[in-house]
Amino acid sequence: MVLRARQDGTTGERDMVLRLARSRKAPKDLAMRARMVELSWAGETVPTIAYELCCGEKTVRRWLHRFNQSGLEGLEDLGGQGRKRRITERERSEVIGLVKSPPPGRLTVQPGGDLEAADESGPPEWTLDTLAAVARQEGIRVSRSQVRRILLAEGVRWRRTRSWTRSKDPDFEGKGRGSSACTPARPPARRSSAPTSSGR
């Protein structure tokens, strides 16, 4: 019997699977599992899906079975394998999404030319501490070290360029071209042609 992902779920579940399959912000593993389901819905067989996603057929079967049994929640990491995650895949995605959003305390130029922040008491720049604090305010129980691990695992940068290296002032000028990485070597000193004692 050919294994297929079930298609009798709600419209919301289907839309979420398709969004996850194309998402750049979602965790890579979750996006790949959603892609397995999407390819199965498109009529692809398990061997074809495994070949296209560069994984084993057993892996594809496992996640299709889990989706058929538990829906979208079945695509989250299996429990009981090593240390259990404290947060869900959806919460991980929300933490990653925070980095892409402007910090509430960052000053932005308004239409009238004034500088204002959405929340002057909020952080002006994202740091691991401020990301963890905002995530906790949104109900995600996560520590600073967890935030760091999540972002490193997904290859997401949270540090911005130093403010003194950028300016919107039209009169601002940079330092100009830096010195060449191939600076010519110092010319060798001329040797004196005077006779030495060794020549006597």
Protein backbone atom coordinates (compact mmCIF):
# COMPACT_ATOMS: atom_id res chain seq x y z
CA MET A 1 0.00 0.00 0.00
CA VAL A 2 1.35 3.43 -0.99
CA LEU A 3 1.75 5.78 1.96
CA ARG A 4 0.22 9.24 1.47
CA ALA A 5 -0.27 12.24 3.76
CA ARG A 6 -3.94 12.55 4.68
CA GLN A 7 -5.87 15.41 3.09
CA ASP A 8 -8.94 15.48 5.31
CA GLY A 9 -7.63 18.13 7.72
CA THR A 10 -8.99 21.64 8.18
CA THR A 11 -8.26 24.44 5.72
CA GLY A 12 -6.24 26.18 8.43
CA GLU A 13 -4.06 23.11 8.94
CA ARG A 14 -3.42 22.81 5.20
CA ASP A 15 -2.53 26.50 4.90
CA MET A 16 -0.14 26.24 7.87
CA VAL A 17 1.63 23.21 6.35
CA LEU A 18 2.09 25.04 3.05
CA ARG A 19 3.38 28.16 4.83
CA LEU A 20 5.85 26.13 6.88
CA ALA A 21 7.08 24.29 3.78
CA ARG A 22 8.04 27.61 2.18
CA SER A 23 9.07 29.49 5.32
CA ARG A 24 12.58 30.87 5.75
CA LYS A 25 12.01 31.77 9.40
CA ALA A 26 10.71 28.40 10.60
CA PRO A 27 13.17 25.82 11.98
CA LYS A 28 14.77 23.90 9.12
CA ASP A 29 13.68 20.46 10.34
CA LEU A 30 10.04 21.54 10.72
CA ALA A 31 10.04 23.17 7.27
CA MET A 32 11.45 19.99 5.70
CA ARG A 33 8.78 17.81 7.36
CA ALA A 34 6.07 20.16 6.10
CA ARG A 35 7.64 19.89 2.64
CA MET A 36 7.35 16.09 2.87
CA VAL A 37 3.62 16.45 3.45
CA GLU A 38 3.28 18.99 0.63
CA LEU A 39 5.08 16.70 -1.83
CA SER A 40 2.90 13.78 -0.75
CA TRP A 41 -0.22 15.88 -1.37
CA ALA A 42 1.19 16.61 -4.85
CA GLY A 43 1.20 12.85 -5.55
CA GLU A 44 4.90 12.11 -5.02
CA THR A 45 5.83 8.69 -3.62
CA VAL A 46 8.00 8.10 -0.56
CA PRO A 47 11.15 7.21 -2.59
CA THR A 48 10.75 10.35 -4.72
CA ILE A 49 10.27 12.58 -1.65
CA ALA A 50 13.31 11.04 0.03
CA TYR A 51 15.43 11.62 -3.09
CA GLU A 52 14.29 15.22 -3.52
CA LEU A 53 14.88 16.14 0.15
CA CYS A 54 18.13 14.14 0.47
CA CYS A 55 16.95 11.97 3.35
CA GLY A 56 16.05 8.34 3.97
CA GLU A 57 12.77 6.71 2.99
CA LYS A 58 12.35 5.56 6.59
CA THR A 59 12.50 9.19 7.71
CA VAL A 60 9.81 10.22 5.22
CA ARG A 61 7.53 7.35 6.28
CA ARG A 62 7.97 8.22 9.96
CA TRP A 63 6.89 11.86 9.52
CA LEU A 64 4.03 11.07 7.15
CA HIS A 65 2.71 8.53 9.67
CA ARG A 66 3.03 11.07 12.48
CA PHE A 67 1.22 13.73 10.42
CA ASN A 68 -1.58 11.28 9.61
CA GLN A 69 -1.98 10.47 13.31
CA SER A 70 -1.51 13.90 14.94
CA GLY A 71 -1.72 16.51 12.21
CA LEU A 72 0.53 19.56 12.41
CA GLU A 73 1.62 18.74 15.97
CA GLY A 74 2.93 15.40 14.69
CA LEU A 75 5.60 17.25 12.71
CA GLU A 76 7.24 18.57 15.88
CA ASP A 77 10.28 16.80 17.33
CA LEU A 78 9.79 13.33 18.71
CA GLY A 79 9.75 13.16 22.49
CA GLY A 80 11.96 10.81 24.50
CA GLN A 81 15.02 11.15 22.28
CA GLY A 82 17.76 12.75 24.32
CA ARG A 83 17.01 15.86 26.31
CA LYS A 84 13.43 17.03 25.85
CA ARG A 85 12.93 20.50 24.44
CA ARG A 86 11.37 22.99 26.81
CA ILE A 87 9.71 25.00 24.05
CA THR A 88 7.71 23.98 20.98
CA GLU A 89 8.69 24.44 17.35
CA ARG A 90 6.11 27.21 17.06
CA GLU A 91 7.69 29.06 19.98
CA ARG A 92 11.12 28.63 18.38
CA SER A 93 9.74 30.23 15.21
CA GLU A 94 8.38 33.15 17.24
CA VAL A 95 11.79 33.71 18.85
CA ILE A 96 13.44 33.71 15.40
CA GLY A 97 10.75 36.08 14.12
CA LEU A 98 11.53 38.56 16.90
CA VAL A 99 15.00 39.18 15.46
CA LYS A 100 13.45 40.17 12.12
CA SER A 101 11.17 42.74 13.79
CA PRO A 102 12.36 46.21 14.87
CA PRO A 103 13.06 46.54 18.62
CA PRO A 104 10.30 48.56 20.33
CA GLY A 105 12.77 51.13 21.67
CA ARG A 106 14.50 51.85 18.36
CA LEU A 107 14.14 55.41 17.12
CA THR A 108 12.67 55.68 13.64
CA VAL A 109 12.17 58.73 11.44
CA GLN A 110 8.49 59.70 11.30
CA PRO A 111 6.80 61.32 8.26
CA GLY A 112 7.27 64.76 9.85
CA GLY A 113 10.99 64.17 10.27
CA ASP A 114 10.88 63.59 14.04
CA LEU A 115 12.52 60.59 15.69
CA GLU A 116 10.17 58.42 17.74
CA ALA A 117 10.17 54.93 19.23
CA ALA A 118 7.18 52.62 19.54
CA ASP A 119 8.06 52.11 23.23
CA GLU A 120 10.71 54.43 24.65
CA SER A 121 11.18 52.13 27.64
CA GLY A 122 11.83 49.15 25.34
CA PRO A 123 15.21 47.97 24.05
CA PRO A 124 16.69 50.05 21.20
CA GLU A 125 18.73 47.11 19.88
CA TRP A 126 18.26 43.34 20.05
CA THR A 127 20.59 41.51 22.39
CA LEU A 128 20.25 37.99 23.75
CA ASP A 129 18.98 39.44 27.04
CA THR A 130 16.37 41.69 25.44
CA LEU A 131 15.20 38.92 23.06
CA ALA A 132 14.74 36.54 25.99
CA ALA A 133 12.92 39.22 28.01
CA VAL A 134 10.48 40.10 25.19
CA ALA A 135 9.89 36.40 24.46
CA ARG A 136 9.01 35.82 28.12
CA GLN A 137 6.60 38.78 28.00
CA GLU A 138 4.85 36.98 25.14
CA GLY A 139 4.50 33.83 27.22
CA ILE A 140 7.49 31.86 25.91
CA ARG A 141 9.48 30.40 28.78
CA VAL A 142 12.99 30.71 27.40
CA SER A 143 16.38 31.66 28.81
CA ARG A 144 19.16 33.76 27.31
CA SER A 145 21.26 30.66 26.59
CA GLN A 146 18.31 28.95 24.86
CA VAL A 147 17.77 32.00 22.65
CA ARG A 148 21.46 31.91 21.70
CA ARG A 149 21.33 28.18 20.84
CA ILE A 150 18.18 28.62 18.74
CA LEU A 151 19.62 31.51 16.72
CA LEU A 152 22.99 29.82 16.21
CA ALA A 153 21.31 26.58 15.10
CA GLU A 154 19.26 28.48 12.50
CA GLY A 155 22.13 30.72 11.38
CA VAL A 156 20.24 33.87 12.40
CA ARG A 157 22.25 37.01 13.29
CA TRP A 158 20.92 39.20 16.06
CA ARG A 159 23.70 41.80 16.22
CA ARG A 160 23.41 44.95 14.12
CA THR A 161 26.21 47.07 12.70
CA ARG A 162 27.57 49.56 15.24
CA SER A 163 25.57 52.80 15.13
CA TRP A 164 28.69 54.92 14.57
CA THR A 165 29.42 53.12 11.28
CA ARG A 166 26.13 54.18 9.68
CA SER A 167 24.35 57.51 9.36
CA LYS A 168 21.33 58.91 7.52
CA ASP A 169 22.84 62.40 7.63
CA PRO A 170 23.41 63.48 3.97
CA ASP A 171 26.50 65.46 5.07
CA PHE A 172 28.01 62.40 6.71
CA GLU A 173 31.04 61.02 4.92
CA GLY A 174 32.75 57.76 5.61
CA LYS A 175 36.47 57.43 6.07
CA GLY A 176 36.90 56.62 2.41
CA ARG A 177 38.75 53.64 1.00
CA GLY A 178 40.66 51.56 3.46
CA SER A 179 44.24 50.64 2.89
CA SER A 180 44.87 47.82 0.48
CA ALA A 181 45.22 44.35 1.86
CA CYS A 182 48.23 43.95 -0.44
CA THR A 183 50.42 46.76 0.84
CA PRO A 184 53.76 46.60 -1.01
CA ALA A 185 56.63 45.27 1.02
CA ARG A 186 59.22 47.68 2.35
CA PRO A 187 62.10 47.93 -0.12
CA PRO A 188 65.30 46.26 1.12
CA ALA A 189 68.02 48.58 2.39
CA ARG A 190 71.04 49.08 0.12
CA ARG A 191 74.18 47.33 1.18
CA SER A 192 77.22 49.46 1.59
CA SER A 193 79.93 48.90 -1.01
CA ALA A 194 82.71 49.84 1.43
CA PRO A 195 85.29 47.06 1.92
CA THR A 196 85.11 45.10 5.16
CA SER A 197 87.78 43.50 7.23
CA SER A 198 86.88 40.10 5.82
CA GLY A 199 88.07 41.26 2.41
CA ARG A 200 91.62 41.96 3.57
